[in-house]
Amino acid sequence: MSAYNTLRVYLECQSCGDKAERDVQFRYGHVWLYEYAIGSVLQWGPAAVGDQGASRVAVDGWLDECPKCSFEGRVAVFIREGIFCGVGPTSWVPALPELGWIPIEGIGA
């Protein structure tokens, strides 16, 4: 299994509507089992995936199971200027490749 990083988020389940903390696994930045939260600064290093120079990026992420209904699925992780700024449905970024990332414009103001 490949290494990954984790982003801890509080969100509403797309299936049952339950709100809970969930982990999102993704592969971007220095991929070495780092644990992040919204507002954290992304780390770069020798096991890096992605483009350190990209100012706004959407990264494909996998949600762990919902504690209420066990739903899991993909979400987009948004990184702006190297800082985690949020997550959203992958439908917000139609060109986002599964298990990949894409530089984008228009994250926030």
PDB file of N, CA and C in Angstrom:
ATOM      1  N   MET A   1       0.847  -1.186   0.000  1.00  0.00           N
ATOM      2  CA  MET A   1       0.000   0.000   0.000  1.00  0.00           C
ATOM      3  C   MET A   1       0.885   1.239   0.000  1.00  0.00           C
ATOM      4  N   SER A   2       0.516   2.233  -0.765  1.00  0.00           N
ATOM      5  CA  SER A   2       1.268   3.479  -0.855  1.00  0.00           C
ATOM      6  C   SER A   2       1.073   4.315   0.399  1.00  0.00           C
ATOM      7  N   ALA A   3       2.068   5.146   0.694  1.00  0.00           N
ATOM      8  CA  ALA A   3       1.937   6.089   1.796  1.00  0.00           C
ATOM      9  C   ALA A   3       0.942   7.175   1.405  1.00  0.00           C
ATOM     10  N   TYR A   4       0.374   7.816   2.392  1.00  0.00           N
ATOM     11  CA  TYR A   4      -0.599   8.874   2.170  1.00  0.00           C
ATOM     12  C   TYR A   4      -0.528   9.836   3.348  1.00  0.00           C
ATOM     13  N   ASN A   5      -1.212  10.955   3.251  1.00  0.00           N
ATOM     14  CA  ASN A   5      -1.382  11.889   4.353  1.00  0.00           C
ATOM     15  C   ASN A   5      -2.861  11.905   4.713  1.00  0.00           C
ATOM     16  N   THR A   6      -3.187  12.502   5.865  1.00  0.00           N
ATOM     17  CA  THR A   6      -4.560  12.548   6.339  1.00  0.00           C
ATOM     18  C   THR A   6      -4.948  13.970   6.713  1.00  0.00           C
ATOM     19  N   LEU A   7      -6.139  14.371   6.305  1.00  0.00           N
ATOM     20  CA  LEU A   7      -6.717  15.649   6.705  1.00  0.00           C
ATOM     21  C   LEU A   7      -7.937  15.361   7.566  1.00  0.00           C
ATOM     22  N   ARG A   8      -7.965  15.881   8.787  1.00  0.00           N
ATOM     23  CA  ARG A   8      -9.117  15.699   9.689  1.00  0.00           C
ATOM     24  C   ARG A   8     -10.087  16.854   9.461  1.00  0.00           C
ATOM     25  N   VAL A   9     -11.345  16.517   9.140  1.00  0.00           N
ATOM     26  CA  VAL A   9     -12.358  17.537   8.874  1.00  0.00           C
ATOM     27  C   VAL A   9     -13.647  17.197   9.626  1.00  0.00           C
ATOM     28  N   TYR A  10     -14.457  18.202   9.852  1.00  0.00           N
ATOM     29  CA  TYR A  10     -15.780  18.029  10.434  1.00  0.00           C
ATOM     30  C   TYR A  10     -16.766  18.345   9.317  1.00  0.00           C
ATOM     31  N   LEU A  11     -17.574  17.362   8.938  1.00  0.00           N
ATOM     32  CA  LEU A  11     -18.499  17.599   7.837  1.00  0.00           C
ATOM     33  C   LEU A  11     -19.738  16.736   7.940  1.00  0.00           C
ATOM     34  N   GLU A  12     -20.693  17.081   7.104  1.00  0.00           N
ATOM     35  CA  GLU A  12     -21.946  16.351   7.043  1.00  0.00           C
ATOM     36  C   GLU A  12     -21.815  15.199   6.060  1.00  0.00           C
ATOM     37  N   CYS A  13     -22.276  14.027   6.466  1.00  0.00           N
ATOM     38  CA  CYS A  13     -22.237  12.849   5.595  1.00  0.00           C
ATOM     39  C   CYS A  13     -23.143  13.068   4.387  1.00  0.00           C
ATOM     40  N   GLN A  14     -22.637  12.755   3.211  1.00  0.00           N
ATOM     41  CA  GLN A  14     -23.404  12.899   1.973  1.00  0.00           C
ATOM     42  C   GLN A  14     -24.556  11.915   1.902  1.00  0.00           C
ATOM     43  N   SER A  15     -24.493  10.840   2.688  1.00  0.00           N
ATOM     44  CA  SER A  15     -25.514   9.799   2.629  1.00  0.00           C
ATOM     45  C   SER A  15     -26.600   9.977   3.693  1.00  0.00           C
ATOM     46  N   CYS A  16     -26.210  10.090   4.975  1.00  0.00           N
ATOM     47  CA  CYS A  16     -27.207  10.114   6.055  1.00  0.00           C
ATOM     48  C   CYS A  16     -27.390  11.481   6.706  1.00  0.00           C
ATOM     49  N   GLY A  17     -26.494  12.433   6.424  1.00  0.00           N
ATOM     50  CA  GLY A  17     -26.611  13.768   6.997  1.00  0.00           C
ATOM     51  C   GLY A  17     -26.005  13.934   8.374  1.00  0.00           C
ATOM     52  N   ASP A  18     -25.471  12.869   8.951  1.00  0.00           N
ATOM     53  CA  ASP A  18     -24.837  12.959  10.268  1.00  0.00           C
ATOM     54  C   ASP A  18     -23.592  13.835  10.177  1.00  0.00           C
ATOM     55  N   LYS A  19     -23.372  14.677  11.168  1.00  0.00           N
ATOM     56  CA  LYS A  19     -22.186  15.529  11.204  1.00  0.00           C
ATOM     57  C   LYS A  19     -21.178  14.935  12.175  1.00  0.00           C
ATOM     58  N   ALA A  20     -19.940  14.766  11.676  1.00  0.00           N
ATOM     59  CA  ALA A  20     -18.914  14.143  12.507  1.00  0.00           C
ATOM     60  C   ALA A  20     -17.529  14.476  11.963  1.00  0.00           C
ATOM     61  N   GLU A  21     -16.522  14.260  12.821  1.00  0.00           N
ATOM     62  CA  GLU A  21     -15.143  14.367  12.350  1.00  0.00           C
ATOM     63  C   GLU A  21     -14.844  13.154  11.495  1.00  0.00           C
ATOM     64  N   ARG A  22     -14.185  13.404  10.380  1.00  0.00           N
ATOM     65  CA  ARG A  22     -13.815  12.317   9.466  1.00  0.00           C
ATOM     66  C   ARG A  22     -12.391  12.554   9.001  1.00  0.00           C
ATOM     67  N   ASP A  23     -11.713  11.497   8.636  1.00  0.00           N
ATOM     68  CA  ASP A  23     -10.380  11.597   8.061  1.00  0.00           C
ATOM     69  C   ASP A  23     -10.468  11.450   6.553  1.00  0.00           C
ATOM     70  N   VAL A  24      -9.671  12.255   5.855  1.00  0.00           N
ATOM     71  CA  VAL A  24      -9.574  12.188   4.404  1.00  0.00           C
ATOM     72  C   VAL A  24      -8.136  11.806   4.070  1.00  0.00           C
ATOM     73  N   GLN A  25      -7.951  10.714   3.368  1.00  0.00           N
ATOM     74  CA  GLN A  25      -6.625  10.293   2.928  1.00  0.00           C
ATOM     75  C   GLN A  25      -6.360  10.870   1.547  1.00  0.00           C
ATOM     76  N   PHE A  26      -5.130  11.351   1.353  1.00  0.00           N
ATOM     77  CA  PHE A  26      -4.770  11.944   0.061  1.00  0.00           C
ATOM     78  C   PHE A  26      -3.266  11.795  -0.156  1.00  0.00           C
ATOM     79  N   ARG A  27      -2.856  11.986  -1.409  1.00  0.00           N
ATOM     80  CA  ARG A  27      -1.440  11.924  -1.779  1.00  0.00           C
ATOM     81  C   ARG A  27      -1.048  13.224  -2.471  1.00  0.00           C
ATOM     82  N   TYR A  28      -0.513  14.159  -1.676  1.00  0.00           N
ATOM     83  CA  TYR A  28      -0.026  15.428  -2.201  1.00  0.00           C
ATOM     84  C   TYR A  28       0.926  16.004  -1.165  1.00  0.00           C
ATOM     85  N   GLY A  29       1.939  16.734  -1.625  1.00  0.00           N
ATOM     86  CA  GLY A  29       2.965  17.241  -0.709  1.00  0.00           C
ATOM     87  C   GLY A  29       3.924  16.122  -0.352  1.00  0.00           C
ATOM     88  N   HIS A  30       4.620  16.268   0.770  1.00  0.00           N
ATOM     89  CA  HIS A  30       5.520  15.213   1.248  1.00  0.00           C
ATOM     90  C   HIS A  30       4.642  14.099   1.817  1.00  0.00           C
ATOM     91  N   VAL A  31       4.568  12.997   1.120  1.00  0.00           N
ATOM     92  CA  VAL A  31       3.662  11.902   1.471  1.00  0.00           C
ATOM     93  C   VAL A  31       4.360  10.991   2.477  1.00  0.00           C
ATOM     94  N   TRP A  32       4.021  11.202   3.761  1.00  0.00           N
ATOM     95  CA  TRP A  32       4.699  10.464   4.813  1.00  0.00           C
ATOM     96  C   TRP A  32       3.830  10.324   6.054  1.00  0.00           C
ATOM     97  N   LEU A  33       2.549  10.031   5.869  1.00  0.00           N
ATOM     98  CA  LEU A  33       1.602   9.827   6.961  1.00  0.00           C
ATOM     99  C   LEU A  33       1.450  11.051   7.863  1.00  0.00           C
ATOM    100  N   TYR A  34       1.583  12.247   7.268  1.00  0.00           N
ATOM    101  CA  TYR A  34       1.323  13.466   8.029  1.00  0.00           C
ATOM    102  C   TYR A  34      -0.161  13.559   8.335  1.00  0.00           C
ATOM    103  N   GLU A  35      -0.495  14.169   9.472  1.00  0.00           N
ATOM    104  CA  GLU A  35      -1.880  14.415   9.848  1.00  0.00           C
ATOM    105  C   GLU A  35      -2.094  15.919   9.886  1.00  0.00           C
ATOM    106  N   TYR A  36      -3.086  16.398   9.131  1.00  0.00           N
ATOM    107  CA  TYR A  36      -3.358  17.819   8.989  1.00  0.00           C
ATOM    108  C   TYR A  36      -4.769  18.148   9.449  1.00  0.00           C
ATOM    109  N   ALA A  37      -5.021  19.447   9.632  1.00  0.00           N
ATOM    110  CA  ALA A  37      -6.352  19.992   9.888  1.00  0.00           C
ATOM    111  C   ALA A  37      -6.514  21.209   8.984  1.00  0.00           C
ATOM    112  N   ILE A  38      -7.733  21.699   8.834  1.00  0.00           N
ATOM    113  CA  ILE A  38      -7.954  22.923   8.073  1.00  0.00           C
ATOM    114  C   ILE A  38      -7.111  24.031   8.725  1.00  0.00           C
ATOM    115  N   GLY A  39      -6.378  24.770   7.896  1.00  0.00           N
ATOM    116  CA  GLY A  39      -5.491  25.824   8.390  1.00  0.00           C
ATOM    117  C   GLY A  39      -4.048  25.387   8.543  1.00  0.00           C
ATOM    118  N   SER A  40      -3.788  24.073   8.464  1.00  0.00           N
ATOM    119  CA  SER A  40      -2.417  23.562   8.562  1.00  0.00           C
ATOM    120  C   SER A  40      -1.627  23.907   7.307  1.00  0.00           C
ATOM    121  N   VAL A  41      -0.317  23.981   7.470  1.00  0.00           N
ATOM    122  CA  VAL A  41       0.587  24.236   6.347  1.00  0.00           C
ATOM    123  C   VAL A  41       1.069  22.897   5.793  1.00  0.00           C
ATOM    124  N   LEU A  42       0.938  22.721   4.502  1.00  0.00           N
ATOM    125  CA  LEU A  42       1.370  21.504   3.820  1.00  0.00           C
ATOM    126  C   LEU A  42       2.890  21.382   3.859  1.00  0.00           C
ATOM    127  N   GLN A  43       3.386  20.202   4.177  1.00  0.00           N
ATOM    128  CA  GLN A  43       4.825  19.933   4.228  1.00  0.00           C
ATOM    129  C   GLN A  43       5.324  19.410   2.881  1.00  0.00           C
ATOM    130  N   TRP A  44       6.537  19.813   2.526  1.00  0.00           N
ATOM    131  CA  TRP A  44       7.192  19.321   1.316  1.00  0.00           C
ATOM    132  C   TRP A  44       8.494  18.639   1.714  1.00  0.00           C
ATOM    133  N   GLY A  45       8.916  17.649   0.947  1.00  0.00           N
ATOM    134  CA  GLY A  45      10.144  16.931   1.240  1.00  0.00           C
ATOM    135  C   GLY A  45      10.483  15.975   0.119  1.00  0.00           C
ATOM    136  N   PRO A  46      11.399  15.042   0.395  1.00  0.00           N
ATOM    137  CA  PRO A  46      11.887  14.161  -0.665  1.00  0.00           C
ATOM    138  C   PRO A  46      10.850  13.197  -1.233  1.00  0.00           C
ATOM    139  N   ALA A  47       9.809  12.867  -0.488  1.00  0.00           N
ATOM    140  CA  ALA A  47       8.767  11.964  -0.999  1.00  0.00           C
ATOM    141  C   ALA A  47       7.562  12.783  -1.468  1.00  0.00           C
ATOM    142  N   ALA A  48       7.837  13.881  -2.175  1.00  0.00           N
ATOM    143  CA  ALA A  48       6.768  14.808  -2.555  1.00  0.00           C
ATOM    144  C   ALA A  48       6.034  14.356  -3.813  1.00  0.00           C
ATOM    145  N   VAL A  49       4.728  14.629  -3.802  1.00  0.00           N
ATOM    146  CA  VAL A  49       3.854  14.427  -4.943  1.00  0.00           C
ATOM    147  C   VAL A  49       3.210  15.775  -5.220  1.00  0.00           C
ATOM    148  N   GLY A  50       3.199  16.198  -6.466  1.00  0.00           N
ATOM    149  CA  GLY A  50       2.542  17.451  -6.809  1.00  0.00           C
ATOM    150  C   GLY A  50       3.513  18.546  -7.191  1.00  0.00           C
ATOM    151  N   ASP A  51       2.991  19.759  -7.237  1.00  0.00           N
ATOM    152  CA  ASP A  51       3.745  20.928  -7.670  1.00  0.00           C
ATOM    153  C   ASP A  51       3.795  21.947  -6.542  1.00  0.00           C
ATOM    154  N   GLN A  52       4.948  22.090  -5.915  1.00  0.00           N
ATOM    155  CA  GLN A  52       5.096  23.007  -4.791  1.00  0.00           C
ATOM    156  C   GLN A  52       4.830  24.457  -5.207  1.00  0.00           C
ATOM    157  N   GLY A  53       5.009  24.779  -6.470  1.00  0.00           N
ATOM    158  CA  GLY A  53       4.805  26.134  -6.951  1.00  0.00           C
ATOM    159  C   GLY A  53       3.362  26.483  -7.276  1.00  0.00           C
ATOM    160  N   ALA A  54       2.459  25.508  -7.288  1.00  0.00           N
ATOM    161  CA  ALA A  54       1.050  25.778  -7.607  1.00  0.00           C
ATOM    162  C   ALA A  54       0.394  26.508  -6.440  1.00  0.00           C
ATOM    163  N   SER A  55      -0.233  27.645  -6.719  1.00  0.00           N
ATOM    164  CA  SER A  55      -0.804  28.435  -5.625  1.00  0.00           C
ATOM    165  C   SER A  55      -2.178  27.938  -5.172  1.00  0.00           C
ATOM    166  N   ARG A  56      -2.946  27.357  -6.064  1.00  0.00           N
ATOM    167  CA  ARG A  56      -4.278  26.852  -5.724  1.00  0.00           C
ATOM    168  C   ARG A  56      -4.460  25.477  -6.342  1.00  0.00           C
ATOM    169  N   VAL A  57      -4.753  24.509  -5.482  1.00  0.00           N
ATOM    170  CA  VAL A  57      -4.784  23.120  -5.926  1.00  0.00           C
ATOM    171  C   VAL A  57      -6.014  22.412  -5.355  1.00  0.00           C
ATOM    172  N   ALA A  58      -6.583  21.530  -6.153  1.00  0.00           N
ATOM    173  CA  ALA A  58      -7.598  20.582  -5.674  1.00  0.00           C
ATOM    174  C   ALA A  58      -6.971  19.198  -5.730  1.00  0.00           C
ATOM    175  N   VAL A  59      -7.120  18.454  -4.654  1.00  0.00           N
ATOM    176  CA  VAL A  59      -6.525  17.130  -4.527  1.00  0.00           C
ATOM    177  C   VAL A  59      -7.641  16.126  -4.261  1.00  0.00           C
ATOM    178  N   ASP A  60      -7.600  14.994  -4.946  1.00  0.00           N
ATOM    179  CA  ASP A  60      -8.575  13.938  -4.719  1.00  0.00           C
ATOM    180  C   ASP A  60      -8.306  13.293  -3.368  1.00  0.00           C
ATOM    181  N   GLY A  61      -9.346  13.127  -2.565  1.00  0.00           N
ATOM    182  CA  GLY A  61      -9.198  12.503  -1.258  1.00  0.00           C
ATOM    183  C   GLY A  61     -10.278  11.467  -1.018  1.00  0.00           C
ATOM    184  N   TRP A  62      -9.965  10.512  -0.120  1.00  0.00           N
ATOM    185  CA  TRP A  62     -10.916   9.453   0.228  1.00  0.00           C
ATOM    186  C   TRP A  62     -11.333   9.602   1.674  1.00  0.00           C
ATOM    187  N   LEU A  63     -12.645   9.739   1.894  1.00  0.00           N
ATOM    188  CA  LEU A  63     -13.190   9.817   3.250  1.00  0.00           C
ATOM    189  C   LEU A  63     -13.192   8.453   3.907  1.00  0.00           C
ATOM    190  N   ASP A  64     -12.888   8.434   5.219  1.00  0.00           N
ATOM    191  CA  ASP A  64     -13.077   7.187   5.950  1.00  0.00           C
ATOM    192  C   ASP A  64     -14.582   6.978   6.152  1.00  0.00           C
ATOM    193  N   GLU A  65     -14.965   5.869   6.733  1.00  0.00           N
ATOM    194  CA  GLU A  65     -16.378   5.522   6.886  1.00  0.00           C
ATOM    195  C   GLU A  65     -17.091   6.459   7.845  1.00  0.00           C
ATOM    196  N   CYS A  66     -18.326   6.794   7.514  1.00  0.00           N
ATOM    197  CA  CYS A  66     -19.186   7.568   8.402  1.00  0.00           C
ATOM    198  C   CYS A  66     -19.460   6.720   9.648  1.00  0.00           C
ATOM    199  N   PRO A  67     -19.330   7.296  10.844  1.00  0.00           N
ATOM    200  CA  PRO A  67     -19.568   6.497  12.046  1.00  0.00           C
ATOM    201  C   PRO A  67     -21.020   6.034  12.200  1.00  0.00           C
ATOM    202  N   LYS A  68     -21.952   6.697  11.506  1.00  0.00           N
ATOM    203  CA  LYS A  68     -23.363   6.328  11.629  1.00  0.00           C
ATOM    204  C   LYS A  68     -23.812   5.329  10.565  1.00  0.00           C
ATOM    205  N   CYS A  69     -23.446   5.580   9.288  1.00  0.00           N
ATOM    206  CA  CYS A  69     -23.985   4.734   8.216  1.00  0.00           C
ATOM    207  C   CYS A  69     -22.916   3.998   7.402  1.00  0.00           C
ATOM    208  N   SER A  70     -21.649   4.212   7.713  1.00  0.00           N
ATOM    209  CA  SER A  70     -20.513   3.565   7.043  1.00  0.00           C
ATOM    210  C   SER A  70     -20.266   4.040   5.617  1.00  0.00           C
ATOM    211  N   PHE A  71     -20.916   5.149   5.192  1.00  0.00           N
ATOM    212  CA  PHE A  71     -20.667   5.688   3.859  1.00  0.00           C
ATOM    213  C   PHE A  71     -19.229   6.183   3.773  1.00  0.00           C
ATOM    214  N   GLU A  72     -18.597   5.912   2.646  1.00  0.00           N
ATOM    215  CA  GLU A  72     -17.267   6.450   2.359  1.00  0.00           C
ATOM    216  C   GLU A  72     -17.269   6.899   0.906  1.00  0.00           C
ATOM    217  N   GLY A  73     -16.328   7.738   0.531  1.00  0.00           N
ATOM    218  CA  GLY A  73     -16.309   8.200  -0.846  1.00  0.00           C
ATOM    219  C   GLY A  73     -15.247   9.254  -1.060  1.00  0.00           C
ATOM    220  N   ARG A  74     -15.249   9.799  -2.253  1.00  0.00           N
ATOM    221  CA  ARG A  74     -14.260  10.795  -2.642  1.00  0.00           C
ATOM    222  C   ARG A  74     -14.717  12.201  -2.278  1.00  0.00           C
ATOM    223  N   VAL A  75     -13.748  13.064  -1.970  1.00  0.00           N
ATOM    224  CA  VAL A  75     -13.973  14.491  -1.796  1.00  0.00           C
ATOM    225  C   VAL A  75     -12.787  15.228  -2.396  1.00  0.00           C
ATOM    226  N   ALA A  76     -12.989  16.493  -2.707  1.00  0.00           N
ATOM    227  CA  ALA A  76     -11.892  17.350  -3.168  1.00  0.00           C
ATOM    228  C   ALA A  76     -11.325  18.081  -1.955  1.00  0.00           C
ATOM    229  N   VAL A  77     -10.011  18.049  -1.817  1.00  0.00           N
ATOM    230  CA  VAL A  77      -9.303  18.781  -0.761  1.00  0.00           C
ATOM    231  C   VAL A  77      -8.721  20.024  -1.422  1.00  0.00           C
ATOM    232  N   PHE A  78      -9.008  21.192  -0.854  1.00  0.00           N
ATOM    233  CA  PHE A  78      -8.545  22.444  -1.440  1.00  0.00           C
ATOM    234  C   PHE A  78      -7.377  23.022  -0.650  1.00  0.00           C
ATOM    235  N   ILE A  79      -6.317  23.355  -1.371  1.00  0.00           N
ATOM    236  CA  ILE A  79      -5.101  23.909  -0.771  1.00  0.00           C
ATOM    237  C   ILE A  79      -4.809  25.224  -1.473  1.00  0.00           C
ATOM    238  N   ARG A  80      -4.639  26.262  -0.678  1.00  0.00           N
ATOM    239  CA  ARG A  80      -4.366  27.594  -1.225  1.00  0.00           C
ATOM    240  C   ARG A  80      -3.094  28.135  -0.588  1.00  0.00           C
ATOM    241  N   GLU A  81      -2.129  28.454  -1.435  1.00  0.00           N
ATOM    242  CA  GLU A  81      -0.839  28.983  -0.962  1.00  0.00           C
ATOM    243  C   GLU A  81      -0.219  28.072   0.104  1.00  0.00           C
ATOM    244  N   GLY A  82      -0.373  26.759  -0.086  1.00  0.00           N
ATOM    245  CA  GLY A  82       0.227  25.785   0.824  1.00  0.00           C
ATOM    246  C   GLY A  82      -0.525  25.568   2.123  1.00  0.00           C
ATOM    247  N   ILE A  83      -1.750  26.104   2.231  1.00  0.00           N
ATOM    248  CA  ILE A  83      -2.543  25.961   3.452  1.00  0.00           C
ATOM    249  C   ILE A  83      -3.858  25.252   3.111  1.00  0.00           C
ATOM    250  N   PHE A  84      -4.225  24.278   3.927  1.00  0.00           N
ATOM    251  CA  PHE A  84      -5.488  23.564   3.725  1.00  0.00           C
ATOM    252  C   PHE A  84      -6.638  24.502   4.042  1.00  0.00           C
ATOM    253  N   CYS A  85      -7.521  24.720   3.060  1.00  0.00           N
ATOM    254  CA  CYS A  85      -8.595  25.691   3.270  1.00  0.00           C
ATOM    255  C   CYS A  85      -9.987  25.075   3.226  1.00  0.00           C
ATOM    256  N   GLY A  86     -10.132  23.813   2.878  1.00  0.00           N
ATOM    257  CA  GLY A  86     -11.454  23.209   2.913  1.00  0.00           C
ATOM    258  C   GLY A  86     -11.553  21.945   2.079  1.00  0.00           C
ATOM    259  N   VAL A  87     -12.727  21.354   2.127  1.00  0.00           N
ATOM    260  CA  VAL A  87     -13.048  20.195   1.297  1.00  0.00           C
ATOM    261  C   VAL A  87     -14.417  20.428   0.680  1.00  0.00           C
ATOM    262  N   GLY A  88     -14.704  19.711  -0.381  1.00  0.00           N
ATOM    263  CA  GLY A  88     -16.001  19.814  -1.028  1.00  0.00           C
ATOM    264  C   GLY A  88     -16.213  18.635  -1.943  1.00  0.00           C
ATOM    265  N   PRO A  89     -17.386  18.562  -2.542  1.00  0.00           N
ATOM    266  CA  PRO A  89     -17.664  17.453  -3.454  1.00  0.00           C
ATOM    267  C   PRO A  89     -16.746  17.495  -4.677  1.00  0.00           C
ATOM    268  N   THR A  90     -16.395  16.347  -5.180  1.00  0.00           N
ATOM    269  CA  THR A  90     -15.553  16.300  -6.374  1.00  0.00           C
ATOM    270  C   THR A  90     -16.266  16.917  -7.576  1.00  0.00           C
ATOM    271  N   SER A  91     -17.584  17.039  -7.521  1.00  0.00           N
ATOM    272  CA  SER A  91     -18.329  17.664  -8.622  1.00  0.00           C
ATOM    273  C   SER A  91     -17.967  19.142  -8.775  1.00  0.00           C
ATOM    274  N   TRP A  92     -17.407  19.759  -7.744  1.00  0.00           N
ATOM    275  CA  TRP A  92     -16.959  21.152  -7.843  1.00  0.00           C
ATOM    276  C   TRP A  92     -15.751  21.267  -8.765  1.00  0.00           C
ATOM    277  N   VAL A  93     -15.036  20.151  -8.965  1.00  0.00           N
ATOM    278  CA  VAL A  93     -13.827  20.141  -9.797  1.00  0.00           C
ATOM    279  C   VAL A  93     -13.951  18.964 -10.764  1.00  0.00           C
ATOM    280  N   PRO A  94     -14.751  19.109 -11.816  1.00  0.00           N
ATOM    281  CA  PRO A  94     -15.036  17.978 -12.704  1.00  0.00           C
ATOM    282  C   PRO A  94     -13.797  17.341 -13.336  1.00  0.00           C
ATOM    283  N   ALA A  95     -12.725  18.103 -13.526  1.00  0.00           N
ATOM    284  CA  ALA A  95     -11.528  17.562 -14.166  1.00  0.00           C
ATOM    285  C   ALA A  95     -10.574  16.887 -13.181  1.00  0.00           C
ATOM    286  N   LEU A  96     -10.947  16.821 -11.909  1.00  0.00           N
ATOM    287  CA  LEU A  96     -10.063  16.240 -10.886  1.00  0.00           C
ATOM    288  C   LEU A  96      -9.883  14.746 -11.127  1.00  0.00           C
ATOM    289  N   PRO A  97      -8.632  14.317 -11.395  1.00  0.00           N
ATOM    290  CA  PRO A  97      -8.423  12.882 -11.631  1.00  0.00           C
ATOM    291  C   PRO A  97      -8.491  12.088 -10.329  1.00  0.00           C
ATOM    292  N   GLU A  98      -9.051  10.899 -10.396  1.00  0.00           N
ATOM    293  CA  GLU A  98      -9.097  10.034  -9.222  1.00  0.00           C
ATOM    294  C   GLU A  98      -7.677   9.741  -8.762  1.00  0.00           C
ATOM    295  N   LEU A  99      -7.449   9.886  -7.464  1.00  0.00           N
ATOM    296  CA  LEU A  99      -6.152   9.696  -6.816  1.00  0.00           C
ATOM    297  C   LEU A  99      -5.100  10.710  -7.290  1.00  0.00           C
ATOM    298  N   GLY A 100      -5.541  11.817  -7.858  1.00  0.00           N
ATOM    299  CA  GLY A 100      -4.613  12.803  -8.378  1.00  0.00           C
ATOM    300  C   GLY A 100      -4.867  14.189  -7.819  1.00  0.00           C
ATOM    301  N   TRP A 101      -4.385  15.164  -8.551  1.00  0.00           N
ATOM    302  CA  TRP A 101      -4.533  16.571  -8.170  1.00  0.00           C
ATOM    303  C   TRP A 101      -4.544  17.426  -9.429  1.00  0.00           C
ATOM    304  N   ILE A 102      -5.013  18.665  -9.283  1.00  0.00           N
ATOM    305  CA  ILE A 102      -5.059  19.573 -10.405  1.00  0.00           C
ATOM    306  C   ILE A 102      -4.912  21.004  -9.898  1.00  0.00           C
ATOM    307  N   PRO A 103      -4.064  21.813 -10.549  1.00  0.00           N
ATOM    308  CA  PRO A 103      -4.019  23.229 -10.178  1.00  0.00           C
ATOM    309  C   PRO A 103      -5.302  23.901 -10.650  1.00  0.00           C
ATOM    310  N   ILE A 104      -5.873  24.746  -9.820  1.00  0.00           N
ATOM    311  CA  ILE A 104      -7.128  25.422 -10.189  1.00  0.00           C
ATOM    312  C   ILE A 104      -7.075  26.882  -9.765  1.00  0.00           C
ATOM    313  N   GLU A 105      -7.967  27.643 -10.295  1.00  0.00           N
ATOM    314  CA  GLU A 105      -8.172  29.024  -9.877  1.00  0.00           C
ATOM    315  C   GLU A 105      -9.550  29.111  -9.240  1.00  0.00           C
ATOM    316  N   GLY A 106      -9.757  30.109  -8.431  1.00  0.00           N
ATOM    317  CA  GLY A 106     -11.089  30.354  -7.903  1.00  0.00           C
ATOM    318  C   GLY A 106     -11.400  29.725  -6.561  1.00  0.00           C
ATOM    319  N   ILE A 107     -10.387  29.321  -5.787  1.00  0.00           N
ATOM    320  CA  ILE A 107     -10.666  28.831  -4.438  1.00  0.00           C
ATOM    321  C   ILE A 107     -10.786  30.063  -3.538  1.00  0.00           C
ATOM    322  N   GLY A 108     -11.971  30.329  -3.088  1.00  0.00           N
ATOM    323  CA  GLY A 108     -12.183  31.492  -2.208  1.00  0.00           C
ATOM    324  C   GLY A 108     -11.953  32.802  -2.943  1.00  0.00           C
ATOM    325  N   ALA A 109     -11.754  33.853  -2.149  1.00  0.00           N
ATOM    326  CA  ALA A 109     -11.562  35.183  -2.740  1.00  0.00           C
ATOM    327  C   ALA A 109     -10.131  35.417  -3.147  1.00  0.00           C
TER     328      ALA A 109
END
